[in-house]
Amino acid sequence: MKSGKILLGIIAGTAAGTVLGILFAPEKGSNTRKKISKKGEDLLDNLKSKFEDFISTATKELADAKSEAEDLLDKGKEKAQEVKTEVKHEVEDVLNKGKEKAQELK
């Protein structure tokens, strides 16, 4: 987030510098207003482009994170099923051994 604030500061500083430079230039008011308007449009287009890039990158990273989380969840479910099966077999073995011992003792 810090880089976003820095970028916004740079854009604002550039805009302010441009406007001040145009305002102090020795030209007719109508020409100055046209230049200010043009620079404002250019800065807005640049800002829109950067924002769209940011949104695109954030969306991709979010999709990647979601995919990784789903993969981890699937692996966790698989591991839980493996452990459940192993425990079931161990319990069955213990029960069978218990039954065998009980038969021997009779």
N, C-alpha and C. Protein backbone atom coordinates (compact mmCIF):
# COMPACT_ATOMS: atom_id res chain seq x y z
N MET A 1 0.83 -1.18 0.00
CA MET A 1 0.00 0.00 0.00
C MET A 1 0.87 1.25 0.00
N LYS A 2 2.08 1.13 0.54
CA LYS A 2 2.96 2.28 0.62
C LYS A 2 3.34 2.77 -0.78
N SER A 3 3.57 1.82 -1.70
CA SER A 3 3.95 2.22 -3.05
C SER A 3 2.79 2.95 -3.75
N GLY A 4 1.56 2.60 -3.40
CA GLY A 4 0.39 3.29 -3.97
C GLY A 4 0.34 4.74 -3.53
N LYS A 5 0.68 4.98 -2.26
CA LYS A 5 0.70 6.36 -1.75
C LYS A 5 1.81 7.16 -2.39
N ILE A 6 2.95 6.50 -2.60
CA ILE A 6 4.08 7.18 -3.25
C ILE A 6 3.70 7.54 -4.68
N LEU A 7 3.09 6.58 -5.39
CA LEU A 7 2.68 6.83 -6.78
C LEU A 7 1.67 7.97 -6.84
N LEU A 8 0.72 7.97 -5.94
CA LEU A 8 -0.28 9.04 -5.92
C LEU A 8 0.38 10.39 -5.64
N GLY A 9 1.36 10.41 -4.73
CA GLY A 9 2.10 11.65 -4.44
C GLY A 9 2.86 12.16 -5.64
N ILE A 10 3.48 11.24 -6.37
CA ILE A 10 4.23 11.64 -7.57
C ILE A 10 3.29 12.21 -8.62
N ILE A 11 2.15 11.55 -8.81
CA ILE A 11 1.19 12.03 -9.81
C ILE A 11 0.65 13.40 -9.40
N ALA A 12 0.31 13.57 -8.13
CA ALA A 12 -0.22 14.85 -7.66
C ALA A 12 0.83 15.95 -7.79
N GLY A 13 2.09 15.63 -7.46
CA GLY A 13 3.18 16.60 -7.59
C GLY A 13 3.41 17.00 -9.03
N THR A 14 3.35 16.01 -9.92
CA THR A 14 3.51 16.29 -11.35
C THR A 14 2.38 17.19 -11.85
N ALA A 15 1.17 16.86 -11.43
CA ALA A 15 0.02 17.67 -11.86
C ALA A 15 0.13 19.10 -11.36
N ALA A 16 0.49 19.25 -10.09
CA ALA A 16 0.61 20.60 -9.53
C ALA A 16 1.72 21.38 -10.23
N GLY A 17 2.84 20.74 -10.48
CA GLY A 17 3.95 21.40 -11.18
C GLY A 17 3.57 21.81 -12.59
N THR A 18 2.86 20.94 -13.27
CA THR A 18 2.43 21.24 -14.63
C THR A 18 1.48 22.42 -14.66
N VAL A 19 0.49 22.41 -13.76
CA VAL A 19 -0.48 23.50 -13.71
C VAL A 19 0.21 24.82 -13.37
N LEU A 20 1.10 24.81 -12.40
CA LEU A 20 1.81 26.04 -12.05
C LEU A 20 2.68 26.53 -13.20
N GLY A 21 3.34 25.62 -13.87
CA GLY A 21 4.18 26.00 -15.01
C GLY A 21 3.36 26.64 -16.12
N ILE A 22 2.21 26.08 -16.37
CA ILE A 22 1.35 26.64 -17.43
C ILE A 22 0.77 27.99 -17.00
N LEU A 23 0.37 28.11 -15.73
CA LEU A 23 -0.22 29.36 -15.26
C LEU A 23 0.77 30.52 -15.31
N PHE A 24 2.03 30.25 -15.09
CA PHE A 24 3.02 31.32 -15.11
C PHE A 24 3.63 31.55 -16.49
N ALA A 25 3.23 30.78 -17.47
CA ALA A 25 3.75 30.96 -18.83
C ALA A 25 3.09 32.20 -19.45
N PRO A 26 3.84 32.96 -20.23
CA PRO A 26 3.29 34.18 -20.83
C PRO A 26 2.47 33.89 -22.10
N GLU A 27 1.26 33.36 -21.93
CA GLU A 27 0.39 33.10 -23.07
C GLU A 27 -1.01 33.63 -22.78
N LYS A 28 -1.84 33.63 -23.82
CA LYS A 28 -3.23 34.06 -23.65
C LYS A 28 -3.95 33.10 -22.70
N GLY A 29 -4.94 33.62 -22.01
CA GLY A 29 -5.72 32.82 -21.05
C GLY A 29 -6.39 31.62 -21.69
N SER A 30 -6.93 31.81 -22.92
CA SER A 30 -7.62 30.70 -23.57
C SER A 30 -6.64 29.57 -23.90
N ASN A 31 -5.44 29.93 -24.34
CA ASN A 31 -4.42 28.90 -24.64
C ASN A 31 -4.00 28.18 -23.36
N THR A 32 -3.87 28.96 -22.29
CA THR A 32 -3.47 28.38 -21.01
C THR A 32 -4.53 27.40 -20.51
N ARG A 33 -5.80 27.80 -20.62
CA ARG A 33 -6.89 26.92 -20.19
C ARG A 33 -6.93 25.64 -21.02
N LYS A 34 -6.67 25.75 -22.32
CA LYS A 34 -6.64 24.56 -23.17
C LYS A 34 -5.50 23.63 -22.76
N LYS A 35 -4.34 24.21 -22.45
CA LYS A 35 -3.20 23.39 -22.03
C LYS A 35 -3.49 22.70 -20.71
N ILE A 36 -4.09 23.44 -19.77
CA ILE A 36 -4.43 22.84 -18.48
C ILE A 36 -5.42 21.69 -18.68
N SER A 37 -6.41 21.92 -19.51
CA SER A 37 -7.41 20.89 -19.78
C SER A 37 -6.77 19.66 -20.41
N LYS A 38 -5.89 19.88 -21.37
CA LYS A 38 -5.21 18.77 -22.07
C LYS A 38 -4.34 17.99 -21.10
N LYS A 39 -3.56 18.70 -20.27
CA LYS A 39 -2.70 18.02 -19.30
C LYS A 39 -3.54 17.24 -18.29
N GLY A 40 -4.65 17.82 -17.87
CA GLY A 40 -5.54 17.12 -16.94
C GLY A 40 -6.08 15.84 -17.53
N GLU A 41 -6.48 15.90 -18.79
CA GLU A 41 -6.98 14.70 -19.48
C GLU A 41 -5.87 13.65 -19.59
N ASP A 42 -4.66 14.10 -19.93
CA ASP A 42 -3.53 13.16 -20.04
C ASP A 42 -3.24 12.49 -18.70
N LEU A 43 -3.23 13.28 -17.64
CA LEU A 43 -2.98 12.72 -16.31
C LEU A 43 -4.09 11.76 -15.90
N LEU A 44 -5.32 12.10 -16.20
CA LEU A 44 -6.45 11.23 -15.86
C LEU A 44 -6.36 9.92 -16.63
N ASP A 45 -6.03 9.99 -17.92
CA ASP A 45 -5.87 8.78 -18.71
C ASP A 45 -4.75 7.90 -18.14
N ASN A 46 -3.65 8.54 -17.77
CA ASN A 46 -2.53 7.80 -17.18
C ASN A 46 -2.94 7.14 -15.87
N LEU A 47 -3.66 7.88 -15.04
CA LEU A 47 -4.11 7.34 -13.76
C LEU A 47 -5.08 6.18 -13.97
N LYS A 48 -6.00 6.31 -14.93
CA LYS A 48 -6.93 5.23 -15.23
C LYS A 48 -6.19 3.98 -15.67
N SER A 49 -5.20 4.17 -16.52
CA SER A 49 -4.40 3.04 -17.02
C SER A 49 -3.69 2.33 -15.87
N LYS A 50 -3.07 3.09 -14.98
CA LYS A 50 -2.37 2.51 -13.84
C LYS A 50 -3.34 1.80 -12.90
N PHE A 51 -4.51 2.38 -12.70
CA PHE A 51 -5.51 1.76 -11.84
C PHE A 51 -6.00 0.45 -12.44
N GLU A 52 -6.24 0.43 -13.75
CA GLU A 52 -6.67 -0.80 -14.42
C GLU A 52 -5.59 -1.88 -14.31
N ASP A 53 -4.32 -1.49 -14.45
CA ASP A 53 -3.22 -2.44 -14.29
C ASP A 53 -3.21 -3.00 -12.87
N PHE A 54 -3.40 -2.12 -11.90
CA PHE A 54 -3.43 -2.55 -10.50
C PHE A 54 -4.57 -3.53 -10.25
N ILE A 55 -5.75 -3.21 -10.75
CA ILE A 55 -6.91 -4.09 -10.56
C ILE A 55 -6.67 -5.44 -11.22
N SER A 56 -6.10 -5.41 -12.42
CA SER A 56 -5.82 -6.65 -13.14
C SER A 56 -4.84 -7.51 -12.36
N THR A 57 -3.78 -6.91 -11.87
CA THR A 57 -2.77 -7.65 -11.10
C THR A 57 -3.37 -8.19 -9.80
N ALA A 58 -4.14 -7.37 -9.10
CA ALA A 58 -4.75 -7.80 -7.85
C ALA A 58 -5.73 -8.95 -8.09
N THR A 59 -6.49 -8.87 -9.18
CA THR A 59 -7.45 -9.93 -9.50
C THR A 59 -6.73 -11.24 -9.79
N LYS A 60 -5.63 -11.16 -10.54
CA LYS A 60 -4.86 -12.36 -10.86
C LYS A 60 -4.27 -12.97 -9.60
N GLU A 61 -3.70 -12.15 -8.74
CA GLU A 61 -3.10 -12.66 -7.50
C GLU A 61 -4.16 -13.27 -6.59
N LEU A 62 -5.34 -12.67 -6.56
CA LEU A 62 -6.43 -13.22 -5.75
C LEU A 62 -6.87 -14.58 -6.30
N ALA A 63 -6.96 -14.69 -7.61
CA ALA A 63 -7.33 -15.96 -8.23
C ALA A 63 -6.27 -17.03 -7.95
N ASP A 64 -5.01 -16.65 -8.01
CA ASP A 64 -3.92 -17.59 -7.71
C ASP A 64 -3.99 -18.05 -6.26
N ALA A 65 -4.22 -17.12 -5.35
CA ALA A 65 -4.32 -17.46 -3.93
C ALA A 65 -5.50 -18.39 -3.67
N LYS A 66 -6.61 -18.12 -4.34
CA LYS A 66 -7.79 -18.97 -4.18
C LYS A 66 -7.50 -20.37 -4.68
N SER A 67 -6.83 -20.47 -5.82
CA SER A 67 -6.48 -21.76 -6.38
C SER A 67 -5.56 -22.54 -5.44
N GLU A 68 -4.56 -21.85 -4.88
CA GLU A 68 -3.64 -22.50 -3.95
C GLU A 68 -4.38 -22.98 -2.70
N ALA A 69 -5.31 -22.17 -2.21
CA ALA A 69 -6.08 -22.55 -1.03
C ALA A 69 -6.94 -23.79 -1.32
N GLU A 70 -7.53 -23.82 -2.50
CA GLU A 70 -8.34 -24.99 -2.88
C GLU A 70 -7.48 -26.24 -2.99
N ASP A 71 -6.27 -26.09 -3.55
CA ASP A 71 -5.34 -27.22 -3.65
C ASP A 71 -4.97 -27.73 -2.26
N LEU A 72 -4.66 -26.80 -1.35
CA LEU A 72 -4.32 -27.20 0.02
C LEU A 72 -5.48 -27.90 0.71
N LEU A 73 -6.68 -27.40 0.48
CA LEU A 73 -7.86 -28.02 1.07
C LEU A 73 -8.04 -29.44 0.54
N ASP A 74 -7.88 -29.62 -0.77
CA ASP A 74 -7.99 -30.96 -1.36
C ASP A 74 -6.93 -31.91 -0.79
N LYS A 75 -5.70 -31.43 -0.66
CA LYS A 75 -4.63 -32.26 -0.10
C LYS A 75 -4.94 -32.62 1.36
N GLY A 76 -5.47 -31.65 2.10
CA GLY A 76 -5.84 -31.91 3.49
C GLY A 76 -6.93 -32.96 3.59
N LYS A 77 -7.92 -32.88 2.71
CA LYS A 77 -8.99 -33.89 2.71
C LYS A 77 -8.45 -35.26 2.37
N GLU A 78 -7.54 -35.32 1.39
CA GLU A 78 -6.94 -36.60 1.01
C GLU A 78 -6.16 -37.19 2.18
N LYS A 79 -5.36 -36.35 2.84
CA LYS A 79 -4.56 -36.82 3.97
C LYS A 79 -5.46 -37.29 5.10
N ALA A 80 -6.53 -36.56 5.37
CA ALA A 80 -7.47 -36.96 6.42
C ALA A 80 -8.10 -38.31 6.09
N GLN A 81 -8.42 -38.53 4.83
CA GLN A 81 -9.00 -39.81 4.41
C GLN A 81 -7.99 -40.94 4.58
N GLU A 82 -6.72 -40.67 4.24
CA GLU A 82 -5.67 -41.68 4.41
C GLU A 82 -5.52 -42.05 5.89
N VAL A 83 -5.47 -41.05 6.75
CA VAL A 83 -5.32 -41.30 8.19
C VAL A 83 -6.53 -42.07 8.72
N LYS A 84 -7.72 -41.69 8.27
CA LYS A 84 -8.94 -42.37 8.70
C LYS A 84 -8.89 -43.85 8.31
N THR A 85 -8.44 -44.13 7.09
CA THR A 85 -8.35 -45.50 6.61
C THR A 85 -7.31 -46.28 7.42
N GLU A 86 -6.15 -45.66 7.67
CA GLU A 86 -5.10 -46.32 8.45
C GLU A 86 -5.59 -46.63 9.86
N VAL A 87 -6.24 -45.67 10.50
CA VAL A 87 -6.74 -45.88 11.86
C VAL A 87 -7.79 -46.98 11.86
N LYS A 88 -8.64 -46.99 10.85
CA LYS A 88 -9.69 -48.02 10.76
C LYS A 88 -9.05 -49.40 10.68
N HIS A 89 -8.02 -49.54 9.85
CA HIS A 89 -7.35 -50.84 9.71
C HIS A 89 -6.65 -51.23 11.01
N GLU A 90 -6.04 -50.28 11.68
CA GLU A 90 -5.38 -50.58 12.95
C GLU A 90 -6.39 -51.03 14.00
N VAL A 91 -7.54 -50.37 14.06
CA VAL A 91 -8.58 -50.74 15.01
C VAL A 91 -9.10 -52.14 14.68
N GLU A 92 -9.30 -52.42 13.41
CA GLU A 92 -9.77 -53.75 13.01
C GLU A 92 -8.75 -54.82 13.39
N ASP A 93 -7.46 -54.51 13.19
CA ASP A 93 -6.41 -55.47 13.57
C ASP A 93 -6.43 -55.73 15.07
N VAL A 94 -6.55 -54.68 15.87
CA VAL A 94 -6.59 -54.83 17.32
C VAL A 94 -7.81 -55.65 17.73
N LEU A 95 -8.96 -55.38 17.12
CA LEU A 95 -10.18 -56.15 17.43
C LEU A 95 -10.01 -57.62 17.07
N ASN A 96 -9.43 -57.87 15.90
CA ASN A 96 -9.24 -59.26 15.48
C ASN A 96 -8.28 -59.99 16.42
N LYS A 97 -7.22 -59.30 16.82
CA LYS A 97 -6.27 -59.92 17.77
C LYS A 97 -6.95 -60.17 19.10
N GLY A 98 -7.78 -59.25 19.51
CA GLY A 98 -8.55 -59.43 20.76
C GLY A 98 -9.48 -60.62 20.67
N LYS A 99 -10.15 -60.77 19.54
CA LYS A 99 -11.05 -61.90 19.34
C LYS A 99 -10.27 -63.22 19.36
N GLU A 100 -9.09 -63.21 18.72
CA GLU A 100 -8.26 -64.42 18.70
C GLU A 100 -7.83 -64.79 20.11
N LYS A 101 -7.42 -63.82 20.89
CA LYS A 101 -7.00 -64.07 22.27
C LYS A 101 -8.18 -64.60 23.09
N ALA A 102 -9.35 -64.02 22.85
CA ALA A 102 -10.54 -64.45 23.58
C ALA A 102 -10.84 -65.90 23.23
N GLN A 103 -10.68 -66.30 21.97
CA GLN A 103 -10.92 -67.68 21.53
C GLN A 103 -9.91 -68.62 22.18
N GLU A 104 -8.66 -68.17 22.28
CA GLU A 104 -7.62 -68.99 22.89
C GLU A 104 -7.89 -69.22 24.37
N LEU A 105 -8.40 -68.21 25.03
CA LEU A 105 -8.65 -68.30 26.45
C LEU A 105 -9.86 -69.17 26.79
N LYS A 106 -10.73 -69.42 25.83
CA LYS A 106 -11.94 -70.23 26.09
C LYS A 106 -11.60 -71.66 26.18
